[in-house]
Structure formats: structure tokens, C-alpha cells
Amino acid sequence: MKEQMTESVIQMAEETLQAEPEYAGDCERVTSTVRERKLLLDNRGVGVVEVILILVVLIALVLIFKEQLGNMVTKAMDALEKSINEVLS
């Protein structure tokens, strides 16, 4: 709906410009303002940016806490191995 309204405003400004050249400055200002707002309201790429930022933060956290995470995984694997050996014994 907003897309159609934006296009119709731009079309009306261009038609006015052709019909009445003395309003050229006004029509160009309206057209550029509408196009700028259209660009600002376009949020199609926002999801991709958010995912990339989340990945960057997660990678940074892993790098910061690499040693602690390694120790935690090692302890968990040792406990799992110990439990498996108890069950099999």
C-alpha cells in the first residue's frame, strides 16, 4: 500500500513537472523527499545485518572465553566417559 502511494506521488510530481515547468523546483524536491523516505522505510536487509551482528558477538565471546569453555567441555567429557565406564563395568 505504501509502495503504491509513494509511486503515485512520484508520478504526480513528474506529471506536474511536464505540464507546468515553472514548478520544476517544487516537483524535484517532492520527488527526492518521497524517494528518501521510501529508502529509509525499506527494511528488507535488516534481518541479515542482525544475524551478522549476533554471529560477530558470539564469535567474540568464544574467543574471549576460549580457555574456560575448553575446560568446561573437557570436564563434561571426562564425567561422561566416567559414567559410561561405570555402566559398562
PDB file of N, CA and C in Angstrom:
ATOM      1  N   MET A   1       0.833  -1.184   0.000  1.00  0.00           N
ATOM      2  CA  MET A   1       0.000   0.000   0.000  1.00  0.00           C
ATOM      3  C   MET A   1       0.881   1.253   0.000  1.00  0.00           C
ATOM      4  N   LYS A   2       1.856   1.299   0.924  1.00  0.00           N
ATOM      5  CA  LYS A   2       2.748   2.458   0.994  1.00  0.00           C
ATOM      6  C   LYS A   2       3.548   2.595  -0.282  1.00  0.00           C
ATOM      7  N   GLU A   3       3.941   1.458  -0.842  1.00  0.00           N
ATOM      8  CA  GLU A   3       4.725   1.449  -2.084  1.00  0.00           C
ATOM      9  C   GLU A   3       3.918   2.091  -3.206  1.00  0.00           C
ATOM     10  N   GLN A   4       2.645   1.755  -3.319  1.00  0.00           N
ATOM     11  CA  GLN A   4       1.790   2.312  -4.363  1.00  0.00           C
ATOM     12  C   GLN A   4       1.605   3.804  -4.168  1.00  0.00           C
ATOM     13  N   MET A   5       1.425   4.226  -2.916  1.00  0.00           N
ATOM     14  CA  MET A   5       1.258   5.651  -2.636  1.00  0.00           C
ATOM     15  C   MET A   5       2.513   6.416  -3.004  1.00  0.00           C
ATOM     16  N   THR A   6       3.668   5.858  -2.662  1.00  0.00           N
ATOM     17  CA  THR A   6       4.934   6.503  -2.972  1.00  0.00           C
ATOM     18  C   THR A   6       5.097   6.664  -4.479  1.00  0.00           C
ATOM     19  N   GLU A   7       4.822   5.601  -5.202  1.00  0.00           N
ATOM     20  CA  GLU A   7       4.951   5.649  -6.657  1.00  0.00           C
ATOM     21  C   GLU A   7       3.966   6.646  -7.257  1.00  0.00           C
ATOM     22  N   SER A   8       2.744   6.713  -6.718  1.00  0.00           N
ATOM     23  CA  SER A   8       1.766   7.649  -7.269  1.00  0.00           C
ATOM     24  C   SER A   8       2.164   9.092  -6.993  1.00  0.00           C
ATOM     25  N   VAL A   9       2.745   9.379  -5.837  1.00  0.00           N
ATOM     26  CA  VAL A   9       3.216  10.740  -5.544  1.00  0.00           C
ATOM     27  C   VAL A   9       4.343  11.121  -6.494  1.00  0.00           C
ATOM     28  N   ILE A  10       5.261  10.205  -6.723  1.00  0.00           N
ATOM     29  CA  ILE A  10       6.360  10.481  -7.648  1.00  0.00           C
ATOM     30  C   ILE A  10       5.814  10.699  -9.052  1.00  0.00           C
ATOM     31  N   GLN A  11       4.863   9.886  -9.459  1.00  0.00           N
ATOM     32  CA  GLN A  11       4.281  10.028 -10.792  1.00  0.00           C
ATOM     33  C   GLN A  11       3.554  11.364 -10.928  1.00  0.00           C
ATOM     34  N   MET A  12       2.792  11.755  -9.900  1.00  0.00           N
ATOM     35  CA  MET A  12       2.093  13.043  -9.945  1.00  0.00           C
ATOM     36  C   MET A  12       3.073  14.200 -10.038  1.00  0.00           C
ATOM     37  N   ALA A  13       4.174  14.124  -9.302  1.00  0.00           N
ATOM     38  CA  ALA A  13       5.176  15.185  -9.352  1.00  0.00           C
ATOM     39  C   ALA A  13       5.797  15.271 -10.736  1.00  0.00           C
ATOM     40  N   GLU A  14       6.068  14.127 -11.345  1.00  0.00           N
ATOM     41  CA  GLU A  14       6.657  14.126 -12.683  1.00  0.00           C
ATOM     42  C   GLU A  14       5.667  14.649 -13.715  1.00  0.00           C
ATOM     43  N   GLU A  15       4.382  14.310 -13.571  1.00  0.00           N
ATOM     44  CA  GLU A  15       3.364  14.828 -14.493  1.00  0.00           C
ATOM     45  C   GLU A  15       3.222  16.337 -14.347  1.00  0.00           C
ATOM     46  N   THR A  16       3.238  16.816 -13.113  1.00  0.00           N
ATOM     47  CA  THR A  16       3.157  18.257 -12.881  1.00  0.00           C
ATOM     48  C   THR A  16       4.359  18.959 -13.483  1.00  0.00           C
ATOM     49  N   LEU A  17       5.508  18.370 -13.363  1.00  0.00           N
ATOM     50  CA  LEU A  17       6.727  18.944 -13.925  1.00  0.00           C
ATOM     51  C   LEU A  17       6.612  19.083 -15.441  1.00  0.00           C
ATOM     52  N   GLN A  18       6.047  18.067 -16.090  1.00  0.00           N
ATOM     53  CA  GLN A  18       5.888  18.127 -17.548  1.00  0.00           C
ATOM     54  C   GLN A  18       4.832  19.145 -17.950  1.00  0.00           C
ATOM     55  N   ALA A  19       3.734  19.215 -17.192  1.00  0.00           N
ATOM     56  CA  ALA A  19       2.639  20.112 -17.553  1.00  0.00           C
ATOM     57  C   ALA A  19       2.952  21.569 -17.228  1.00  0.00           C
ATOM     58  N   GLU A  20       3.619  21.790 -16.111  1.00  0.00           N
ATOM     59  CA  GLU A  20       3.893  23.153 -15.669  1.00  0.00           C
ATOM     60  C   GLU A  20       5.353  23.275 -15.241  1.00  0.00           C
ATOM     61  N   PRO A  21       6.236  23.587 -16.180  1.00  0.00           N
ATOM     62  CA  PRO A  21       7.674  23.637 -15.901  1.00  0.00           C
ATOM     63  C   PRO A  21       8.080  24.657 -14.832  1.00  0.00           C
ATOM     64  N   GLU A  22       7.223  25.661 -14.572  1.00  0.00           N
ATOM     65  CA  GLU A  22       7.583  26.665 -13.554  1.00  0.00           C
ATOM     66  C   GLU A  22       7.625  26.070 -12.152  1.00  0.00           C
ATOM     67  N   TYR A  23       7.022  24.900 -11.964  1.00  0.00           N
ATOM     68  CA  TYR A  23       7.056  24.221 -10.666  1.00  0.00           C
ATOM     69  C   TYR A  23       8.157  23.165 -10.588  1.00  0.00           C
ATOM     70  N   ALA A  24       9.129  23.273 -11.442  1.00  0.00           N
ATOM     71  CA  ALA A  24      10.184  22.256 -11.526  1.00  0.00           C
ATOM     72  C   ALA A  24      10.899  22.054 -10.193  1.00  0.00           C
ATOM     73  N   GLY A  25      11.270  23.127  -9.510  1.00  0.00           N
ATOM     74  CA  GLY A  25      11.982  23.015  -8.235  1.00  0.00           C
ATOM     75  C   GLY A  25      11.154  22.305  -7.182  1.00  0.00           C
ATOM     76  N   ASP A  26       9.856  22.684  -7.114  1.00  0.00           N
ATOM     77  CA  ASP A  26       8.967  22.054  -6.133  1.00  0.00           C
ATOM     78  C   ASP A  26       8.791  20.570  -6.417  1.00  0.00           C
ATOM     79  N   CYS A  27       8.594  20.230  -7.690  1.00  0.00           N
ATOM     80  CA  CYS A  27       8.395  18.821  -8.056  1.00  0.00           C
ATOM     81  C   CYS A  27       9.633  17.993  -7.766  1.00  0.00           C
ATOM     82  N   GLU A  28      10.792  18.549  -8.041  1.00  0.00           N
ATOM     83  CA  GLU A  28      12.033  17.811  -7.769  1.00  0.00           C
ATOM     84  C   GLU A  28      12.225  17.605  -6.279  1.00  0.00           C
ATOM     85  N   ARG A  29      11.881  18.627  -5.479  1.00  0.00           N
ATOM     86  CA  ARG A  29      12.004  18.489  -4.023  1.00  0.00           C
ATOM     87  C   ARG A  29      11.052  17.419  -3.493  1.00  0.00           C
ATOM     88  N   VAL A  30       9.808  17.425  -3.970  1.00  0.00           N
ATOM     89  CA  VAL A  30       8.827  16.428  -3.531  1.00  0.00           C
ATOM     90  C   VAL A  30       9.290  15.036  -3.931  1.00  0.00           C
ATOM     91  N   THR A  31       9.729  14.906  -5.173  1.00  0.00           N
ATOM     92  CA  THR A  31      10.170  13.599  -5.661  1.00  0.00           C
ATOM     93  C   THR A  31      11.351  13.089  -4.864  1.00  0.00           C
ATOM     94  N   SER A  32      12.339  13.955  -4.609  1.00  0.00           N
ATOM     95  CA  SER A  32      13.515  13.497  -3.860  1.00  0.00           C
ATOM     96  C   SER A  32      13.155  13.179  -2.414  1.00  0.00           C
ATOM     97  N   THR A  33      12.269  13.970  -1.810  1.00  0.00           N
ATOM     98  CA  THR A  33      11.852  13.705  -0.429  1.00  0.00           C
ATOM     99  C   THR A  33      11.121  12.371  -0.332  1.00  0.00           C
ATOM    100  N   VAL A  34      10.231  12.102  -1.276  1.00  0.00           N
ATOM    101  CA  VAL A  34       9.488  10.843  -1.271  1.00  0.00           C
ATOM    102  C   VAL A  34      10.443   9.673  -1.467  1.00  0.00           C
ATOM    103  N   ARG A  35      11.396   9.816  -2.368  1.00  0.00           N
ATOM    104  CA  ARG A  35      12.355   8.730  -2.600  1.00  0.00           C
ATOM    105  C   ARG A  35      13.236   8.497  -1.373  1.00  0.00           C
ATOM    106  N   GLU A  36      13.636   9.580  -0.684  1.00  0.00           N
ATOM    107  CA  GLU A  36      14.443   9.431   0.529  1.00  0.00           C
ATOM    108  C   GLU A  36      13.646   8.702   1.610  1.00  0.00           C
ATOM    109  N   ARG A  37      12.388   9.066   1.782  1.00  0.00           N
ATOM    110  CA  ARG A  37      11.563   8.387   2.786  1.00  0.00           C
ATOM    111  C   ARG A  37      11.355   6.931   2.426  1.00  0.00           C
ATOM    112  N   LYS A  38      11.161   6.672   1.136  1.00  0.00           N
ATOM    113  CA  LYS A  38      10.998   5.296   0.678  1.00  0.00           C
ATOM    114  C   LYS A  38      12.243   4.480   1.019  1.00  0.00           C
ATOM    115  N   LEU A  39      13.415   5.054   0.807  1.00  0.00           N
ATOM    116  CA  LEU A  39      14.664   4.373   1.113  1.00  0.00           C
ATOM    117  C   LEU A  39      14.805   4.130   2.616  1.00  0.00           C
ATOM    118  N   LEU A  40      14.441   5.108   3.433  1.00  0.00           N
ATOM    119  CA  LEU A  40      14.543   4.965   4.885  1.00  0.00           C
ATOM    120  C   LEU A  40      13.561   3.933   5.430  1.00  0.00           C
ATOM    121  N   LEU A  41      12.397   3.810   4.797  1.00  0.00           N
ATOM    122  CA  LEU A  41      11.394   2.856   5.273  1.00  0.00           C
ATOM    123  C   LEU A  41      11.656   1.437   4.784  1.00  0.00           C
ATOM    124  N   ASP A  42      12.553   1.286   3.842  1.00  0.00           N
ATOM    125  CA  ASP A  42      12.865  -0.037   3.312  1.00  0.00           C
ATOM    126  C   ASP A  42      13.722  -0.787   4.323  1.00  0.00           C
ATOM    127  N   ASN A  43      13.205  -1.882   4.851  1.00  0.00           N
ATOM    128  CA  ASN A  43      13.922  -2.638   5.883  1.00  0.00           C
ATOM    129  C   ASN A  43      14.149  -4.086   5.470  1.00  0.00           C
ATOM    130  N   ARG A  44      14.288  -4.337   4.178  1.00  0.00           N
ATOM    131  CA  ARG A  44      14.457  -5.709   3.710  1.00  0.00           C
ATOM    132  C   ARG A  44      15.763  -6.338   4.172  1.00  0.00           C
ATOM    133  N   GLY A  45      16.841  -5.595   4.322  1.00  0.00           N
ATOM    134  CA  GLY A  45      18.129  -6.164   4.684  1.00  0.00           C
ATOM    135  C   GLY A  45      18.414  -6.163   6.175  1.00  0.00           C
ATOM    136  N   VAL A  46      17.471  -5.718   6.971  1.00  0.00           N
ATOM    137  CA  VAL A  46      17.696  -5.602   8.407  1.00  0.00           C
ATOM    138  C   VAL A  46      17.953  -6.958   9.047  1.00  0.00           C
ATOM    139  N   GLY A  47      17.230  -7.980   8.668  1.00  0.00           N
ATOM    140  CA  GLY A  47      17.404  -9.303   9.259  1.00  0.00           C
ATOM    141  C   GLY A  47      18.803  -9.846   9.055  1.00  0.00           C
ATOM    142  N   VAL A  48      19.368  -9.628   7.883  1.00  0.00           N
ATOM    143  CA  VAL A  48      20.714 -10.115   7.577  1.00  0.00           C
ATOM    144  C   VAL A  48      21.734  -9.415   8.467  1.00  0.00           C
ATOM    145  N   VAL A  49      21.586  -8.108   8.616  1.00  0.00           N
ATOM    146  CA  VAL A  49      22.519  -7.342   9.446  1.00  0.00           C
ATOM    147  C   VAL A  49      22.446  -7.817  10.893  1.00  0.00           C
ATOM    148  N   GLU A  50      21.251  -8.049  11.381  1.00  0.00           N
ATOM    149  CA  GLU A  50      21.098  -8.512  12.764  1.00  0.00           C
ATOM    150  C   GLU A  50      21.765  -9.865  12.975  1.00  0.00           C
ATOM    151  N   VAL A  51      21.573 -10.779  12.038  1.00  0.00           N
ATOM    152  CA  VAL A  51      22.191 -12.103  12.158  1.00  0.00           C
ATOM    153  C   VAL A  51      23.708 -11.990  12.149  1.00  0.00           C
ATOM    154  N   ILE A  52      24.249 -11.158  11.280  1.00  0.00           N
ATOM    155  CA  ILE A  52      25.702 -10.985  11.215  1.00  0.00           C
ATOM    156  C   ILE A  52      26.231 -10.395  12.520  1.00  0.00           C
ATOM    157  N   LEU A  53      25.538  -9.404  13.073  1.00  0.00           N
ATOM    158  CA  LEU A  53      25.978  -8.816  14.348  1.00  0.00           C
ATOM    159  C   LEU A  53      25.930  -9.836  15.479  1.00  0.00           C
ATOM    160  N   ILE A  54      24.896 -10.656  15.520  1.00  0.00           N
ATOM    161  CA  ILE A  54      24.808 -11.694  16.556  1.00  0.00           C
ATOM    162  C   ILE A  54      25.951 -12.687  16.410  1.00  0.00           C
ATOM    163  N   LEU A  55      26.258 -13.091  15.183  1.00  0.00           N
ATOM    164  CA  LEU A  55      27.376 -14.014  14.955  1.00  0.00           C
ATOM    165  C   LEU A  55      28.706 -13.404  15.385  1.00  0.00           C
ATOM    166  N   VAL A  56      28.896 -12.136  15.091  1.00  0.00           N
ATOM    167  CA  VAL A  56      30.136 -11.462  15.490  1.00  0.00           C
ATOM    168  C   VAL A  56      30.276 -11.458  17.008  1.00  0.00           C
ATOM    169  N   VAL A  57      29.183 -11.173  17.705  1.00  0.00           N
ATOM    170  CA  VAL A  57      29.221 -11.151  19.176  1.00  0.00           C
ATOM    171  C   VAL A  57      29.506 -12.550  19.717  1.00  0.00           C
ATOM    172  N   LEU A  58      28.854 -13.569  19.159  1.00  0.00           N
ATOM    173  CA  LEU A  58      29.089 -14.938  19.625  1.00  0.00           C
ATOM    174  C   LEU A  58      30.529 -15.373  19.390  1.00  0.00           C
ATOM    175  N   ILE A  59      31.073 -15.050  18.237  1.00  0.00           N
ATOM    176  CA  ILE A  59      32.468 -15.412  17.950  1.00  0.00           C
ATOM    177  C   ILE A  59      33.406 -14.690  18.903  1.00  0.00           C
ATOM    178  N   ALA A  60      33.121 -13.423  19.174  1.00  0.00           N
ATOM    179  CA  ALA A  60      33.960 -12.666  20.113  1.00  0.00           C
ATOM    180  C   ALA A  60      33.903 -13.295  21.506  1.00  0.00           C
ATOM    181  N   LEU A  61      32.719 -13.701  21.949  1.00  0.00           N
ATOM    182  CA  LEU A  61      32.595 -14.334  23.268  1.00  0.00           C
ATOM    183  C   LEU A  61      33.357 -15.657  23.325  1.00  0.00           C
ATOM    184  N   VAL A  62      33.272 -16.432  22.260  1.00  0.00           N
ATOM    185  CA  VAL A  62      34.010 -17.700  22.225  1.00  0.00           C
ATOM    186  C   VAL A  62      35.508 -17.445  22.302  1.00  0.00           C
ATOM    187  N   LEU A  63      35.981 -16.444  21.571  1.00  0.00           N
ATOM    188  CA  LEU A  63      37.411 -16.142  21.602  1.00  0.00           C
ATOM    189  C   LEU A  63      37.852 -15.626  22.968  1.00  0.00           C
ATOM    190  N   ILE A  64      37.004 -14.831  23.606  1.00  0.00           N
ATOM    191  CA  ILE A  64      37.347 -14.282  24.924  1.00  0.00           C
ATOM    192  C   ILE A  64      37.391 -15.395  25.972  1.00  0.00           C
ATOM    193  N   PHE A  65      36.398 -16.278  25.941  1.00  0.00           N
ATOM    194  CA  PHE A  65      36.291 -17.319  26.960  1.00  0.00           C
ATOM    195  C   PHE A  65      36.717 -18.688  26.428  1.00  0.00           C
ATOM    196  N   LYS A  66      37.642 -18.698  25.496  1.00  0.00           N
ATOM    197  CA  LYS A  66      38.081 -19.938  24.862  1.00  0.00           C
ATOM    198  C   LYS A  66      38.611 -20.950  25.887  1.00  0.00           C
ATOM    199  N   GLU A  67      39.474 -20.512  26.764  1.00  0.00           N
ATOM    200  CA  GLU A  67      40.079 -21.415  27.737  1.00  0.00           C
ATOM    201  C   GLU A  67      39.031 -21.963  28.709  1.00  0.00           C
ATOM    202  N   GLN A  68      38.170 -21.070  29.220  1.00  0.00           N
ATOM    203  CA  GLN A  68      37.139 -21.513  30.157  1.00  0.00           C
ATOM    204  C   GLN A  68      36.171 -22.499  29.487  1.00  0.00           C
ATOM    205  N   LEU A  69      35.792 -22.208  28.236  1.00  0.00           N
ATOM    206  CA  LEU A  69      34.896 -23.112  27.519  1.00  0.00           C
ATOM    207  C   LEU A  69      35.569 -24.457  27.266  1.00  0.00           C
ATOM    208  N   GLY A  70      36.850 -24.427  26.937  1.00  0.00           N
ATOM    209  CA  GLY A  70      37.593 -25.672  26.719  1.00  0.00           C
ATOM    210  C   GLY A  70      37.642 -26.516  27.973  1.00  0.00           C
ATOM    211  N   ASN A  71      37.928 -25.884  29.108  1.00  0.00           N
ATOM    212  CA  ASN A  71      37.957 -26.606  30.384  1.00  0.00           C
ATOM    213  C   ASN A  71      36.585 -27.203  30.722  1.00  0.00           C
ATOM    214  N   MET A  72      35.533 -26.441  30.475  1.00  0.00           N
ATOM    215  CA  MET A  72      34.184 -26.908  30.780  1.00  0.00           C
ATOM    216  C   MET A  72      33.817 -28.121  29.910  1.00  0.00           C
ATOM    217  N   VAL A  73      34.154 -28.058  28.638  1.00  0.00           N
ATOM    218  CA  VAL A  73      33.866 -29.177  27.743  1.00  0.00           C
ATOM    219  C   VAL A  73      34.687 -30.400  28.138  1.00  0.00           C
ATOM    220  N   THR A  74      35.946 -30.194  28.498  1.00  0.00           N
ATOM    221  CA  THR A  74      36.805 -31.305  28.913  1.00  0.00           C
ATOM    222  C   THR A  74      36.247 -31.974  30.164  1.00  0.00           C
ATOM    223  N   LYS A  75      35.825 -31.185  31.152  1.00  0.00           N
ATOM    224  CA  LYS A  75      35.239 -31.745  32.369  1.00  0.00           C
ATOM    225  C   LYS A  75      33.964 -32.519  32.054  1.00  0.00           C
ATOM    226  N   ALA A  76      33.130 -31.979  31.182  1.00  0.00           N
ATOM    227  CA  ALA A  76      31.888 -32.662  30.825  1.00  0.00           C
ATOM    228  C   ALA A  76      32.188 -33.986  30.132  1.00  0.00           C
ATOM    229  N   MET A  77      33.157 -34.003  29.235  1.00  0.00           N
ATOM    230  CA  MET A  77      33.514 -35.234  28.524  1.00  0.00           C
ATOM    231  C   MET A  77      34.116 -36.261  29.480  1.00  0.00           C
ATOM    232  N   ASP A  78      34.941 -35.799  30.427  1.00  0.00           N
ATOM    233  CA  ASP A  78      35.521 -36.709  31.415  1.00  0.00           C
ATOM    234  C   ASP A  78      34.428 -37.331  32.283  1.00  0.00           C
ATOM    235  N   ALA A  79      33.458 -36.511  32.703  1.00  0.00           N
ATOM    236  CA  ALA A  79      32.353 -37.023  33.513  1.00  0.00           C
ATOM    237  C   ALA A  79      31.517 -38.012  32.711  1.00  0.00           C
ATOM    238  N   LEU A  80      31.285 -37.708  31.437  1.00  0.00           N
ATOM    239  CA  LEU A  80      30.529 -38.614  30.582  1.00  0.00           C
ATOM    240  C   LEU A  80      31.269 -39.937  30.383  1.00  0.00           C
ATOM    241  N   GLU A  81      32.562 -39.844  30.155  1.00  0.00           N
ATOM    242  CA  GLU A  81      33.375 -41.051  29.973  1.00  0.00           C
ATOM    243  C   GLU A  81      33.375 -41.898  31.247  1.00  0.00           C
ATOM    244  N   LYS A  82      33.493 -41.222  32.407  1.00  0.00           N
ATOM    245  CA  LYS A  82      33.482 -41.932  33.684  1.00  0.00           C
ATOM    246  C   LYS A  82      32.150 -42.651  33.884  1.00  0.00           C
ATOM    247  N   SER A  83      31.048 -41.975  33.562  1.00  0.00           N
ATOM    248  CA  SER A  83      29.718 -42.585  33.702  1.00  0.00           C
ATOM    249  C   SER A  83      29.563 -43.772  32.768  1.00  0.00           C
ATOM    250  N   ILE A  84      30.040 -43.638  31.551  1.00  0.00           N
ATOM    251  CA  ILE A  84      29.937 -44.745  30.588  1.00  0.00           C
ATOM    252  C   ILE A  84      30.753 -45.937  31.075  1.00  0.00           C
ATOM    253  N   ASN A  85      31.955 -45.688  31.599  1.00  0.00           N
ATOM    254  CA  ASN A  85      32.796 -46.785  32.107  1.00  0.00           C
ATOM    255  C   ASN A  85      32.151 -47.461  33.303  1.00  0.00           C
ATOM    256  N   GLU A  86      31.463 -46.693  34.170  1.00  0.00           N
ATOM    257  CA  GLU A  86      30.770 -47.291  35.318  1.00  0.00           C
ATOM    258  C   GLU A  86      29.622 -48.182  34.850  1.00  0.00           C
ATOM    259  N   VAL A  87      28.905 -47.737  33.844  1.00  0.00           N
ATOM    260  CA  VAL A  87      27.780 -48.533  33.342  1.00  0.00           C
ATOM    261  C   VAL A  87      28.280 -49.800  32.679  1.00  0.00           C
ATOM    262  N   LEU A  88      29.347 -49.710  31.923  1.00  0.00           N
ATOM    263  CA  LEU A  88      29.880 -50.869  31.213  1.00  0.00           C
ATOM    264  C   LEU A  88      30.615 -51.840  32.124  1.00  0.00           C
ATOM    265  N   SER A  89      31.052 -51.386  33.266  1.00  0.00           N
ATOM    266  CA  SER A  89      31.816 -52.251  34.179  1.00  0.00           C
ATOM    267  C   SER A  89      30.940 -53.160  34.969  1.00  0.00           C
TER     268      SER A  89
END
